[in-house]
Amino acid sequence: MGWWPFGRKNNGRTPVNDPLLKDNRILISELRDACELNFDNPEEARRQIRRMQVEWNDAAREGVLSDTNRSGLDARAFRLLTCEDSEWMIWLDNLDFWKPGWRPEADDED
């Protein structure tokens, strides 16, 4: 008797907080949340971004994160890590920057 109308079906799925199932939108959202929580303390946000980069590289090495998604995350992290504190809020307020599929402009590359 396994029928219960009020329970959640598992369907063999694991919760979204499982790093194996995080998609690019969730990873971008986590990056944005870390930055916005520390909008007034860019150095703390940069510390968290560096920690996230290690996690992304580990996930890419294990084949969990595609190279395309990792490169998009790394491009965002690069902008946030190398910008001046005066530019910090400009990047945080740029809605296109946080959209999946964002690519740096050609003149933005160093």
PDB file of N, CA and C in Angstrom:
ATOM      1  N   MET A   1       0.831  -1.191   0.000  1.00  0.00           N
ATOM      2  CA  MET A   1       0.000   0.000   0.000  1.00  0.00           C
ATOM      3  C   MET A   1       0.869   1.246   0.000  1.00  0.00           C
ATOM      4  N   GLY A   2       1.320   1.613  -1.167  1.00  0.00           N
ATOM      5  CA  GLY A   2       2.199   2.761  -1.271  1.00  0.00           C
ATOM      6  C   GLY A   2       1.497   4.028  -1.713  1.00  0.00           C
ATOM      7  N   TRP A   3       0.181   3.995  -1.817  1.00  0.00           N
ATOM      8  CA  TRP A   3      -0.523   5.176  -2.294  1.00  0.00           C
ATOM      9  C   TRP A   3      -0.785   6.130  -1.147  1.00  0.00           C
ATOM     10  N   TRP A   4      -0.413   7.377  -1.322  1.00  0.00           N
ATOM     11  CA  TRP A   4      -0.702   8.423  -0.344  1.00  0.00           C
ATOM     12  C   TRP A   4      -0.876   9.711  -1.125  1.00  0.00           C
ATOM     13  N   PRO A   5      -2.065  10.337  -1.103  1.00  0.00           N
ATOM     14  CA  PRO A   5      -2.340  11.469  -1.979  1.00  0.00           C
ATOM     15  C   PRO A   5      -1.606  12.754  -1.601  1.00  0.00           C
ATOM     16  N   PHE A   6      -1.027  12.837  -0.408  1.00  0.00           N
ATOM     17  CA  PHE A   6      -0.438  14.087   0.041  1.00  0.00           C
ATOM     18  C   PHE A   6       1.084  14.081   0.018  1.00  0.00           C
ATOM     19  N   GLY A   7       1.656  12.979  -0.355  1.00  0.00           N
ATOM     20  CA  GLY A   7       3.117  12.902  -0.393  1.00  0.00           C
ATOM     21  C   GLY A   7       3.655  13.393  -1.723  1.00  0.00           C
ATOM     22  N   ARG A   8       4.921  13.746  -1.725  1.00  0.00           N
ATOM     23  CA  ARG A   8       5.570  14.168  -2.955  1.00  0.00           C
ATOM     24  C   ARG A   8       6.111  12.950  -3.682  1.00  0.00           C
ATOM     25  N   LYS A   9       5.995  12.989  -4.979  1.00  0.00           N
ATOM     26  CA  LYS A   9       6.556  11.912  -5.770  1.00  0.00           C
ATOM     27  C   LYS A   9       8.045  12.174  -5.955  1.00  0.00           C
ATOM     28  N   ASN A  10       8.820  11.157  -5.793  1.00  0.00           N
ATOM     29  CA  ASN A  10      10.253  11.298  -5.972  1.00  0.00           C
ATOM     30  C   ASN A  10      10.640  11.116  -7.432  1.00  0.00           C
ATOM     31  N   ASN A  11      10.006  10.185  -8.122  1.00  0.00           N
ATOM     32  CA  ASN A  11      10.283   9.909  -9.533  1.00  0.00           C
ATOM     33  C   ASN A  11      11.765   9.695  -9.811  1.00  0.00           C
ATOM     34  N   GLY A  12      12.528   9.315  -8.816  1.00  0.00           N
ATOM     35  CA  GLY A  12      13.944   9.068  -9.014  1.00  0.00           C
ATOM     36  C   GLY A  12      14.780  10.329  -9.112  1.00  0.00           C
ATOM     37  N   ARG A  13      14.184  11.479  -8.900  1.00  0.00           N
ATOM     38  CA  ARG A  13      14.916  12.744  -8.998  1.00  0.00           C
ATOM     39  C   ARG A  13      15.494  13.115  -7.645  1.00  0.00           C
ATOM     40  N   THR A  14      16.614  13.799  -7.693  1.00  0.00           N
ATOM     41  CA  THR A  14      17.204  14.337  -6.473  1.00  0.00           C
ATOM     42  C   THR A  14      16.922  15.825  -6.425  1.00  0.00           C
ATOM     43  N   PRO A  15      17.004  16.453  -5.266  1.00  0.00           N
ATOM     44  CA  PRO A  15      16.709  17.884  -5.175  1.00  0.00           C
ATOM     45  C   PRO A  15      17.675  18.726  -6.007  1.00  0.00           C
ATOM     46  N   VAL A  16      17.265  19.949  -6.305  1.00  0.00           N
ATOM     47  CA  VAL A  16      18.058  20.840  -7.144  1.00  0.00           C
ATOM     48  C   VAL A  16      19.373  21.221  -6.475  1.00  0.00           C
ATOM     49  N   ASN A  17      19.436  21.174  -5.141  1.00  0.00           N
ATOM     50  CA  ASN A  17      20.677  21.559  -4.479  1.00  0.00           C
ATOM     51  C   ASN A  17      21.771  20.513  -4.670  1.00  0.00           C
ATOM     52  N   ASP A  18      21.468  19.432  -5.359  1.00  0.00           N
ATOM     53  CA  ASP A  18      22.480  18.447  -5.713  1.00  0.00           C
ATOM     54  C   ASP A  18      23.357  19.061  -6.803  1.00  0.00           C
ATOM     55  N   PRO A  19      24.669  19.206  -6.559  1.00  0.00           N
ATOM     56  CA  PRO A  19      25.521  19.875  -7.540  1.00  0.00           C
ATOM     57  C   PRO A  19      25.556  19.174  -8.891  1.00  0.00           C
ATOM     58  N   LEU A  20      25.203  17.906  -8.946  1.00  0.00           N
ATOM     59  CA  LEU A  20      25.203  17.202 -10.214  1.00  0.00           C
ATOM     60  C   LEU A  20      24.076  17.649 -11.124  1.00  0.00           C
ATOM     61  N   LEU A  21      23.036  18.237 -10.565  1.00  0.00           N
ATOM     62  CA  LEU A  21      21.875  18.609 -11.366  1.00  0.00           C
ATOM     63  C   LEU A  21      21.709  20.115 -11.539  1.00  0.00           C
ATOM     64  N   LYS A  22      22.630  20.891 -11.045  1.00  0.00           N
ATOM     65  CA  LYS A  22      22.498  22.335 -11.186  1.00  0.00           C
ATOM     66  C   LYS A  22      22.731  22.711 -12.639  1.00  0.00           C
ATOM     67  N   ASP A  23      21.812  23.471 -13.194  1.00  0.00           N
ATOM     68  CA  ASP A  23      22.012  23.925 -14.554  1.00  0.00           C
ATOM     69  C   ASP A  23      22.638  25.314 -14.547  1.00  0.00           C
ATOM     70  N   ASN A  24      22.886  25.833 -15.713  1.00  0.00           N
ATOM     71  CA  ASN A  24      23.599  27.098 -15.837  1.00  0.00           C
ATOM     72  C   ASN A  24      22.845  28.251 -15.173  1.00  0.00           C
ATOM     73  N   ARG A  25      21.526  28.265 -15.289  1.00  0.00           N
ATOM     74  CA  ARG A  25      20.749  29.345 -14.675  1.00  0.00           C
ATOM     75  C   ARG A  25      20.904  29.367 -13.169  1.00  0.00           C
ATOM     76  N   ILE A  26      20.956  28.200 -12.557  1.00  0.00           N
ATOM     77  CA  ILE A  26      21.112  28.134 -11.102  1.00  0.00           C
ATOM     78  C   ILE A  26      22.504  28.607 -10.702  1.00  0.00           C
ATOM     79  N   LEU A  27      23.516  28.206 -11.449  1.00  0.00           N
ATOM     80  CA  LEU A  27      24.878  28.639 -11.139  1.00  0.00           C
ATOM     81  C   LEU A  27      25.031  30.144 -11.309  1.00  0.00           C
ATOM     82  N   ILE A  28      24.426  30.710 -12.359  1.00  0.00           N
ATOM     83  CA  ILE A  28      24.454  32.162 -12.549  1.00  0.00           C
ATOM     84  C   ILE A  28      23.716  32.851 -11.406  1.00  0.00           C
ATOM     85  N   SER A  29      22.593  32.284 -11.001  1.00  0.00           N
ATOM     86  CA  SER A  29      21.818  32.845  -9.899  1.00  0.00           C
ATOM     87  C   SER A  29      22.617  32.829  -8.597  1.00  0.00           C
ATOM     88  N   GLU A  30      23.342  31.746  -8.346  1.00  0.00           N
ATOM     89  CA  GLU A  30      24.170  31.679  -7.139  1.00  0.00           C
ATOM     90  C   GLU A  30      25.287  32.715  -7.177  1.00  0.00           C
ATOM     91  N   LEU A  31      25.877  32.909  -8.352  1.00  0.00           N
ATOM     92  CA  LEU A  31      26.920  33.923  -8.509  1.00  0.00           C
ATOM     93  C   LEU A  31      26.339  35.308  -8.249  1.00  0.00           C
ATOM     94  N   ARG A  32      25.187  35.568  -8.835  1.00  0.00           N
ATOM     95  CA  ARG A  32      24.538  36.874  -8.656  1.00  0.00           C
ATOM     96  C   ARG A  32      24.152  37.108  -7.191  1.00  0.00           C
ATOM     97  N   ASP A  33      23.617  36.084  -6.549  1.00  0.00           N
ATOM     98  CA  ASP A  33      23.237  36.215  -5.140  1.00  0.00           C
ATOM     99  C   ASP A  33      24.441  36.547  -4.271  1.00  0.00           C
ATOM    100  N   ALA A  34      25.560  35.876  -4.521  1.00  0.00           N
ATOM    101  CA  ALA A  34      26.773  36.150  -3.735  1.00  0.00           C
ATOM    102  C   ALA A  34      27.225  37.590  -3.940  1.00  0.00           C
ATOM    103  N   CYS A  35      27.121  38.082  -5.155  1.00  0.00           N
ATOM    104  CA  CYS A  35      27.527  39.455  -5.434  1.00  0.00           C
ATOM    105  C   CYS A  35      26.567  40.470  -4.823  1.00  0.00           C
ATOM    106  N   GLU A  36      25.281  40.194  -4.945  1.00  0.00           N
ATOM    107  CA  GLU A  36      24.306  41.154  -4.434  1.00  0.00           C
ATOM    108  C   GLU A  36      24.251  41.169  -2.909  1.00  0.00           C
ATOM    109  N   LEU A  37      24.494  40.028  -2.285  1.00  0.00           N
ATOM    110  CA  LEU A  37      24.538  40.018  -0.821  1.00  0.00           C
ATOM    111  C   LEU A  37      25.720  40.823  -0.301  1.00  0.00           C
ATOM    112  N   ASN A  38      26.745  40.939  -1.115  1.00  0.00           N
ATOM    113  CA  ASN A  38      27.939  41.682  -0.733  1.00  0.00           C
ATOM    114  C   ASN A  38      28.150  42.897  -1.633  1.00  0.00           C
ATOM    115  N   PHE A  39      27.049  43.517  -2.052  1.00  0.00           N
ATOM    116  CA  PHE A  39      27.158  44.654  -2.955  1.00  0.00           C
ATOM    117  C   PHE A  39      27.994  45.779  -2.374  1.00  0.00           C
ATOM    118  N   ASP A  40      27.990  45.908  -1.058  1.00  0.00           N
ATOM    119  CA  ASP A  40      28.751  46.971  -0.403  1.00  0.00           C
ATOM    120  C   ASP A  40      30.131  46.503   0.058  1.00  0.00           C
ATOM    121  N   ASN A  41      30.457  45.249  -0.210  1.00  0.00           N
ATOM    122  CA  ASN A  41      31.750  44.683   0.176  1.00  0.00           C
ATOM    123  C   ASN A  41      32.280  43.830  -0.985  1.00  0.00           C
ATOM    124  N   PRO A  42      32.762  44.475  -2.040  1.00  0.00           N
ATOM    125  CA  PRO A  42      33.204  43.725  -3.224  1.00  0.00           C
ATOM    126  C   PRO A  42      34.316  42.711  -2.933  1.00  0.00           C
ATOM    127  N   GLU A  43      35.167  42.987  -1.978  1.00  0.00           N
ATOM    128  CA  GLU A  43      36.260  42.047  -1.693  1.00  0.00           C
ATOM    129  C   GLU A  43      35.734  40.719  -1.143  1.00  0.00           C
ATOM    130  N   GLU A  44      34.721  40.760  -0.314  1.00  0.00           N
ATOM    131  CA  GLU A  44      34.121  39.521   0.190  1.00  0.00           C
ATOM    132  C   GLU A  44      33.455  38.759  -0.946  1.00  0.00           C
ATOM    133  N   ALA A  45      32.767  39.491  -1.820  1.00  0.00           N
ATOM    134  CA  ALA A  45      32.136  38.843  -2.976  1.00  0.00           C
ATOM    135  C   ALA A  45      33.198  38.216  -3.875  1.00  0.00           C
ATOM    136  N   ARG A  46      34.308  38.896  -4.062  1.00  0.00           N
ATOM    137  CA  ARG A  46      35.389  38.346  -4.894  1.00  0.00           C
ATOM    138  C   ARG A  46      35.966  37.073  -4.279  1.00  0.00           C
ATOM    139  N   ARG A  47      36.054  37.034  -2.973  1.00  0.00           N
ATOM    140  CA  ARG A  47      36.525  35.829  -2.291  1.00  0.00           C
ATOM    141  C   ARG A  47      35.578  34.666  -2.577  1.00  0.00           C
ATOM    142  N   GLN A  48      34.274  34.926  -2.522  1.00  0.00           N
ATOM    143  CA  GLN A  48      33.286  33.889  -2.797  1.00  0.00           C
ATOM    144  C   GLN A  48      33.304  33.475  -4.270  1.00  0.00           C
ATOM    145  N   ILE A  49      33.552  34.429  -5.158  1.00  0.00           N
ATOM    146  CA  ILE A  49      33.631  34.117  -6.586  1.00  0.00           C
ATOM    147  C   ILE A  49      34.804  33.180  -6.851  1.00  0.00           C
ATOM    148  N   ARG A  50      35.940  33.443  -6.207  1.00  0.00           N
ATOM    149  CA  ARG A  50      37.104  32.565  -6.391  1.00  0.00           C
ATOM    150  C   ARG A  50      36.802  31.146  -5.910  1.00  0.00           C
ATOM    151  N   ARG A  51      36.067  31.038  -4.811  1.00  0.00           N
ATOM    152  CA  ARG A  51      35.675  29.724  -4.297  1.00  0.00           C
ATOM    153  C   ARG A  51      34.751  29.026  -5.295  1.00  0.00           C
ATOM    154  N   MET A  52      33.819  29.782  -5.875  1.00  0.00           N
ATOM    155  CA  MET A  52      32.905  29.216  -6.873  1.00  0.00           C
ATOM    156  C   MET A  52      33.666  28.744  -8.104  1.00  0.00           C
ATOM    157  N   GLN A  53      34.693  29.490  -8.516  1.00  0.00           N
ATOM    158  CA  GLN A  53      35.471  29.093  -9.686  1.00  0.00           C
ATOM    159  C   GLN A  53      36.123  27.729  -9.474  1.00  0.00           C
ATOM    160  N   VAL A  54      36.586  27.469  -8.258  1.00  0.00           N
ATOM    161  CA  VAL A  54      37.167  26.160  -7.959  1.00  0.00           C
ATOM    162  C   VAL A  54      36.107  25.078  -8.116  1.00  0.00           C
ATOM    163  N   GLU A  55      34.895  25.340  -7.623  1.00  0.00           N
ATOM    164  CA  GLU A  55      33.803  24.376  -7.749  1.00  0.00           C
ATOM    165  C   GLU A  55      33.437  24.150  -9.211  1.00  0.00           C
ATOM    166  N   TRP A  56      33.405  25.218 -10.009  1.00  0.00           N
ATOM    167  CA  TRP A  56      33.080  25.082 -11.434  1.00  0.00           C
ATOM    168  C   TRP A  56      34.138  24.255 -12.147  1.00  0.00           C
ATOM    169  N   ASN A  57      35.395  24.509 -11.839  1.00  0.00           N
ATOM    170  CA  ASN A  57      36.478  23.752 -12.484  1.00  0.00           C
ATOM    171  C   ASN A  57      36.414  22.279 -12.103  1.00  0.00           C
ATOM    172  N   ASP A  58      36.117  22.001 -10.833  1.00  0.00           N
ATOM    173  CA  ASP A  58      35.974  20.608 -10.400  1.00  0.00           C
ATOM    174  C   ASP A  58      34.813  19.935 -11.133  1.00  0.00           C
ATOM    175  N   ALA A  59      33.688  20.643 -11.242  1.00  0.00           N
ATOM    176  CA  ALA A  59      32.516  20.086 -11.921  1.00  0.00           C
ATOM    177  C   ALA A  59      32.810  19.865 -13.404  1.00  0.00           C
ATOM    178  N   ALA A  60      33.547  20.773 -14.016  1.00  0.00           N
ATOM    179  CA  ALA A  60      33.892  20.613 -15.436  1.00  0.00           C
ATOM    180  C   ALA A  60      34.845  19.433 -15.615  1.00  0.00           C
ATOM    181  N   ARG A  61      35.786  19.281 -14.714  1.00  0.00           N
ATOM    182  CA  ARG A  61      36.735  18.173 -14.794  1.00  0.00           C
ATOM    183  C   ARG A  61      36.028  16.837 -14.653  1.00  0.00           C
ATOM    184  N   GLU A  62      34.976  16.800 -13.829  1.00  0.00           N
ATOM    185  CA  GLU A  62      34.210  15.571 -13.617  1.00  0.00           C
ATOM    186  C   GLU A  62      33.168  15.343 -14.714  1.00  0.00           C
ATOM    187  N   GLY A  63      33.033  16.299 -15.625  1.00  0.00           N
ATOM    188  CA  GLY A  63      32.085  16.151 -16.720  1.00  0.00           C
ATOM    189  C   GLY A  63      30.664  16.545 -16.364  1.00  0.00           C
ATOM    190  N   VAL A  64      30.473  17.186 -15.226  1.00  0.00           N
ATOM    191  CA  VAL A  64      29.142  17.584 -14.778  1.00  0.00           C
ATOM    192  C   VAL A  64      28.740  18.926 -15.381  1.00  0.00           C
ATOM    193  N   LEU A  65      29.717  19.782 -15.620  1.00  0.00           N
ATOM    194  CA  LEU A  65      29.475  21.115 -16.167  1.00  0.00           C
ATOM    195  C   LEU A  65      30.135  21.187 -17.540  1.00  0.00           C
ATOM    196  N   SER A  66      29.365  21.595 -18.527  1.00  0.00           N
ATOM    197  CA  SER A  66      29.922  21.654 -19.884  1.00  0.00           C
ATOM    198  C   SER A  66      30.944  22.782 -19.993  1.00  0.00           C
ATOM    199  N   ASP A  67      31.833  22.652 -20.949  1.00  0.00           N
ATOM    200  CA  ASP A  67      32.855  23.683 -21.164  1.00  0.00           C
ATOM    201  C   ASP A  67      32.231  25.014 -21.549  1.00  0.00           C
ATOM    202  N   THR A  68      31.144  24.968 -22.295  1.00  0.00           N
ATOM    203  CA  THR A  68      30.459  26.198 -22.698  1.00  0.00           C
ATOM    204  C   THR A  68      29.907  26.932 -21.487  1.00  0.00           C
ATOM    205  N   ASN A  69      29.235  26.203 -20.607  1.00  0.00           N
ATOM    206  CA  ASN A  69      28.681  26.830 -19.406  1.00  0.00           C
ATOM    207  C   ASN A  69      29.788  27.343 -18.493  1.00  0.00           C
ATOM    208  N   ARG A  70      30.862  26.565 -18.362  1.00  0.00           N
ATOM    209  CA  ARG A  70      31.964  26.988 -17.500  1.00  0.00           C
ATOM    210  C   ARG A  70      32.619  28.244 -18.061  1.00  0.00           C
ATOM    211  N   SER A  71      32.780  28.309 -19.377  1.00  0.00           N
ATOM    212  CA  SER A  71      33.413  29.493 -19.953  1.00  0.00           C
ATOM    213  C   SER A  71      32.538  30.736 -19.764  1.00  0.00           C
ATOM    214  N   GLY A  72      31.216  30.566 -19.840  1.00  0.00           N
ATOM    215  CA  GLY A  72      30.318  31.694 -19.576  1.00  0.00           C
ATOM    216  C   GLY A  72      30.399  32.162 -18.135  1.00  0.00           C
ATOM    217  N   LEU A  73      30.454  31.221 -17.217  1.00  0.00           N
ATOM    218  CA  LEU A  73      30.596  31.575 -15.802  1.00  0.00           C
ATOM    219  C   LEU A  73      31.947  32.231 -15.542  1.00  0.00           C
ATOM    220  N   ASP A  74      32.996  31.682 -16.151  1.00  0.00           N
ATOM    221  CA  ASP A  74      34.330  32.255 -15.968  1.00  0.00           C
ATOM    222  C   ASP A  74      34.434  33.657 -16.557  1.00  0.00           C
ATOM    223  N   ALA A  75      33.748  33.903 -17.682  1.00  0.00           N
ATOM    224  CA  ALA A  75      33.763  35.247 -18.281  1.00  0.00           C
ATOM    225  C   ALA A  75      33.112  36.252 -17.340  1.00  0.00           C
ATOM    226  N   ARG A  76      32.013  35.856 -16.708  1.00  0.00           N
ATOM    227  CA  ARG A  76      31.368  36.744 -15.732  1.00  0.00           C
ATOM    228  C   ARG A  76      32.281  36.961 -14.524  1.00  0.00           C
ATOM    229  N   ALA A  77      32.848  35.861 -14.036  1.00  0.00           N
ATOM    230  CA  ALA A  77      33.731  35.959 -12.866  1.00  0.00           C
ATOM    231  C   ALA A  77      34.920  36.854 -13.173  1.00  0.00           C
ATOM    232  N   PHE A  78      35.489  36.726 -14.381  1.00  0.00           N
ATOM    233  CA  PHE A  78      36.626  37.563 -14.769  1.00  0.00           C
ATOM    234  C   PHE A  78      36.262  39.037 -14.680  1.00  0.00           C
ATOM    235  N   ARG A  79      35.088  39.405 -15.221  1.00  0.00           N
ATOM    236  CA  ARG A  79      34.662  40.814 -15.185  1.00  0.00           C
ATOM    237  C   ARG A  79      34.512  41.299 -13.750  1.00  0.00           C
ATOM    238  N   LEU A  80      33.921  40.451 -12.916  1.00  0.00           N
ATOM    239  CA  LEU A  80      33.676  40.857 -11.527  1.00  0.00           C
ATOM    240  C   LEU A  80      34.963  40.899 -10.704  1.00  0.00           C
ATOM    241  N   LEU A  81      35.888  40.005 -10.999  1.00  0.00           N
ATOM    242  CA  LEU A  81      37.136  39.966 -10.245  1.00  0.00           C
ATOM    243  C   LEU A  81      38.103  41.076 -10.644  1.00  0.00           C
ATOM    244  N   THR A  82      38.039  41.515 -11.888  1.00  0.00           N
ATOM    245  CA  THR A  82      39.010  42.499 -12.360  1.00  0.00           C
ATOM    246  C   THR A  82      38.480  43.923 -12.419  1.00  0.00           C
ATOM    247  N   CYS A  83      37.200  44.117 -12.183  1.00  0.00           N
ATOM    248  CA  CYS A  83      36.663  45.475 -12.258  1.00  0.00           C
ATOM    249  C   CYS A  83      37.071  46.285 -11.027  1.00  0.00           C
ATOM    250  N   GLU A  84      37.119  47.580 -11.213  1.00  0.00           N
ATOM    251  CA  GLU A  84      37.367  48.490 -10.101  1.00  0.00           C
ATOM    252  C   GLU A  84      36.126  48.522  -9.217  1.00  0.00           C
ATOM    253  N   ASP A  85      36.317  48.905  -7.969  1.00  0.00           N
ATOM    254  CA  ASP A  85      35.170  48.991  -7.063  1.00  0.00           C
ATOM    255  C   ASP A  85      34.120  49.967  -7.590  1.00  0.00           C
ATOM    256  N   SER A  86      34.553  50.994  -8.318  1.00  0.00           N
ATOM    257  CA  SER A  86      33.599  51.959  -8.872  1.00  0.00           C
ATOM    258  C   SER A  86      32.743  51.336  -9.979  1.00  0.00           C
ATOM    259  N   GLU A  87      33.250  50.294 -10.654  1.00  0.00           N
ATOM    260  CA  GLU A  87      32.500  49.614 -11.706  1.00  0.00           C
ATOM    261  C   GLU A  87      31.647  48.470 -11.180  1.00  0.00           C
ATOM    262  N   TRP A  88      31.862  48.078  -9.958  1.00  0.00           N
ATOM    263  CA  TRP A  88      31.210  46.916  -9.357  1.00  0.00           C
ATOM    264  C   TRP A  88      29.692  46.976  -9.508  1.00  0.00           C
ATOM    265  N   MET A  89      29.102  48.080  -9.106  1.00  0.00           N
ATOM    266  CA  MET A  89      27.647  48.216  -9.164  1.00  0.00           C
ATOM    267  C   MET A  89      27.130  48.256 -10.601  1.00  0.00           C
ATOM    268  N   ILE A  90      27.937  48.746 -11.522  1.00  0.00           N
ATOM    269  CA  ILE A  90      27.521  48.774 -12.928  1.00  0.00           C
ATOM    270  C   ILE A  90      27.318  47.351 -13.430  1.00  0.00           C
ATOM    271  N   TRP A  91      28.249  46.445 -13.108  1.00  0.00           N
ATOM    272  CA  TRP A  91      28.107  45.044 -13.521  1.00  0.00           C
ATOM    273  C   TRP A  91      26.917  44.392 -12.823  1.00  0.00           C
ATOM    274  N   LEU A  92      26.733  44.681 -11.533  1.00  0.00           N
ATOM    275  CA  LEU A  92      25.626  44.069 -10.804  1.00  0.00           C
ATOM    276  C   LEU A  92      24.273  44.526 -11.342  1.00  0.00           C
ATOM    277  N   ASP A  93      24.191  45.772 -11.793  1.00  0.00           N
ATOM    278  CA  ASP A  93      22.927  46.317 -12.298  1.00  0.00           C
ATOM    279  C   ASP A  93      22.664  45.999 -13.768  1.00  0.00           C
ATOM    280  N   ASN A  94      23.636  45.433 -14.477  1.00  0.00           N
ATOM    281  CA  ASN A  94      23.490  45.117 -15.886  1.00  0.00           C
ATOM    282  C   ASN A  94      22.698  43.814 -16.031  1.00  0.00           C
ATOM    283  N   LEU A  95      21.430  43.927 -16.387  1.00  0.00           N
ATOM    284  CA  LEU A  95      20.558  42.754 -16.475  1.00  0.00           C
ATOM    285  C   LEU A  95      20.994  41.768 -17.553  1.00  0.00           C
ATOM    286  N   ASP A  96      21.529  42.260 -18.656  1.00  0.00           N
ATOM    287  CA  ASP A  96      21.988  41.358 -19.719  1.00  0.00           C
ATOM    288  C   ASP A  96      23.166  40.506 -19.254  1.00  0.00           C
ATOM    289  N   PHE A  97      23.996  41.047 -18.394  1.00  0.00           N
ATOM    290  CA  PHE A  97      25.160  40.345 -17.867  1.00  0.00           C
ATOM    291  C   PHE A  97      24.758  39.063 -17.139  1.00  0.00           C
ATOM    292  N   TRP A  98      23.593  39.057 -16.529  1.00  0.00           N
ATOM    293  CA  TRP A  98      23.143  37.919 -15.725  1.00  0.00           C
ATOM    294  C   TRP A  98      22.276  36.934 -16.499  1.00  0.00           C
ATOM    295  N   LYS A  99      22.012  37.208 -17.755  1.00  0.00           N
ATOM    296  CA  LYS A  99      21.183  36.302 -18.554  1.00  0.00           C
ATOM    297  C   LYS A  99      22.024  35.151 -19.091  1.00  0.00           C
ATOM    298  N   PRO A 100      21.457  33.932 -19.100  1.00  0.00           N
ATOM    299  CA  PRO A 100      22.179  32.824 -19.749  1.00  0.00           C
ATOM    300  C   PRO A 100      22.431  33.176 -21.213  1.00  0.00           C
ATOM    301  N   GLY A 101      23.593  32.837 -21.708  1.00  0.00           N
ATOM    302  CA  GLY A 101      23.947  33.138 -23.077  1.00  0.00           C
ATOM    303  C   GLY A 101      24.694  34.445 -23.249  1.00  0.00           C
ATOM    304  N   TRP A 102      24.888  35.203 -22.158  1.00  0.00           N
ATOM    305  CA  TRP A 102      25.655  36.447 -22.256  1.00  0.00           C
ATOM    306  C   TRP A 102      27.065  36.138 -22.725  1.00  0.00           C
ATOM    307  N   ARG A 103      27.554  36.945 -23.625  1.00  0.00           N
ATOM    308  CA  ARG A 103      28.927  36.824 -24.119  1.00  0.00           C
ATOM    309  C   ARG A 103      29.601  38.188 -24.019  1.00  0.00           C
ATOM    310  N   PRO A 104      30.865  38.206 -23.668  1.00  0.00           N
ATOM    311  CA  PRO A 104      31.575  39.488 -23.642  1.00  0.00           C
ATOM    312  C   PRO A 104      31.705  40.060 -25.046  1.00  0.00           C
ATOM    313  N   GLU A 105      31.701  41.355 -25.126  1.00  0.00           N
ATOM    314  CA  GLU A 105      31.868  42.006 -26.424  1.00  0.00           C
ATOM    315  C   GLU A 105      33.310  41.858 -26.872  1.00  0.00           C
ATOM    316  N   ALA A 106      33.542  41.963 -28.169  1.00  0.00           N
ATOM    317  CA  ALA A 106      34.875  41.751 -28.729  1.00  0.00           C
ATOM    318  C   ALA A 106      35.897  42.729 -28.155  1.00  0.00           C
ATOM    319  N   ASP A 107      35.507  43.992 -27.950  1.00  0.00           N
ATOM    320  CA  ASP A 107      36.455  44.960 -27.407  1.00  0.00           C
ATOM    321  C   ASP A 107      36.614  44.814 -25.900  1.00  0.00           C
ATOM    322  N   ASP A 108      35.806  43.949 -25.291  1.00  0.00           N
ATOM    323  CA  ASP A 108      35.860  43.717 -23.846  1.00  0.00           C
ATOM    324  C   ASP A 108      36.930  42.690 -23.485  1.00  0.00           C
ATOM    325  N   GLU A 109      37.376  41.928 -24.478  1.00  0.00           N
ATOM    326  CA  GLU A 109      38.375  40.876 -24.242  1.00  0.00           C
ATOM    327  C   GLU A 109      39.735  41.484 -24.010  1.00  0.00           C
ATOM    328  N   ASP A 110      40.467  40.902 -23.072  1.00  0.00           N
ATOM    329  CA  ASP A 110      41.839  41.366 -22.781  1.00  0.00           C
ATOM    330  C   ASP A 110      42.832  40.310 -23.146  1.00  0.00           C
TER     331      ASP A 110
END
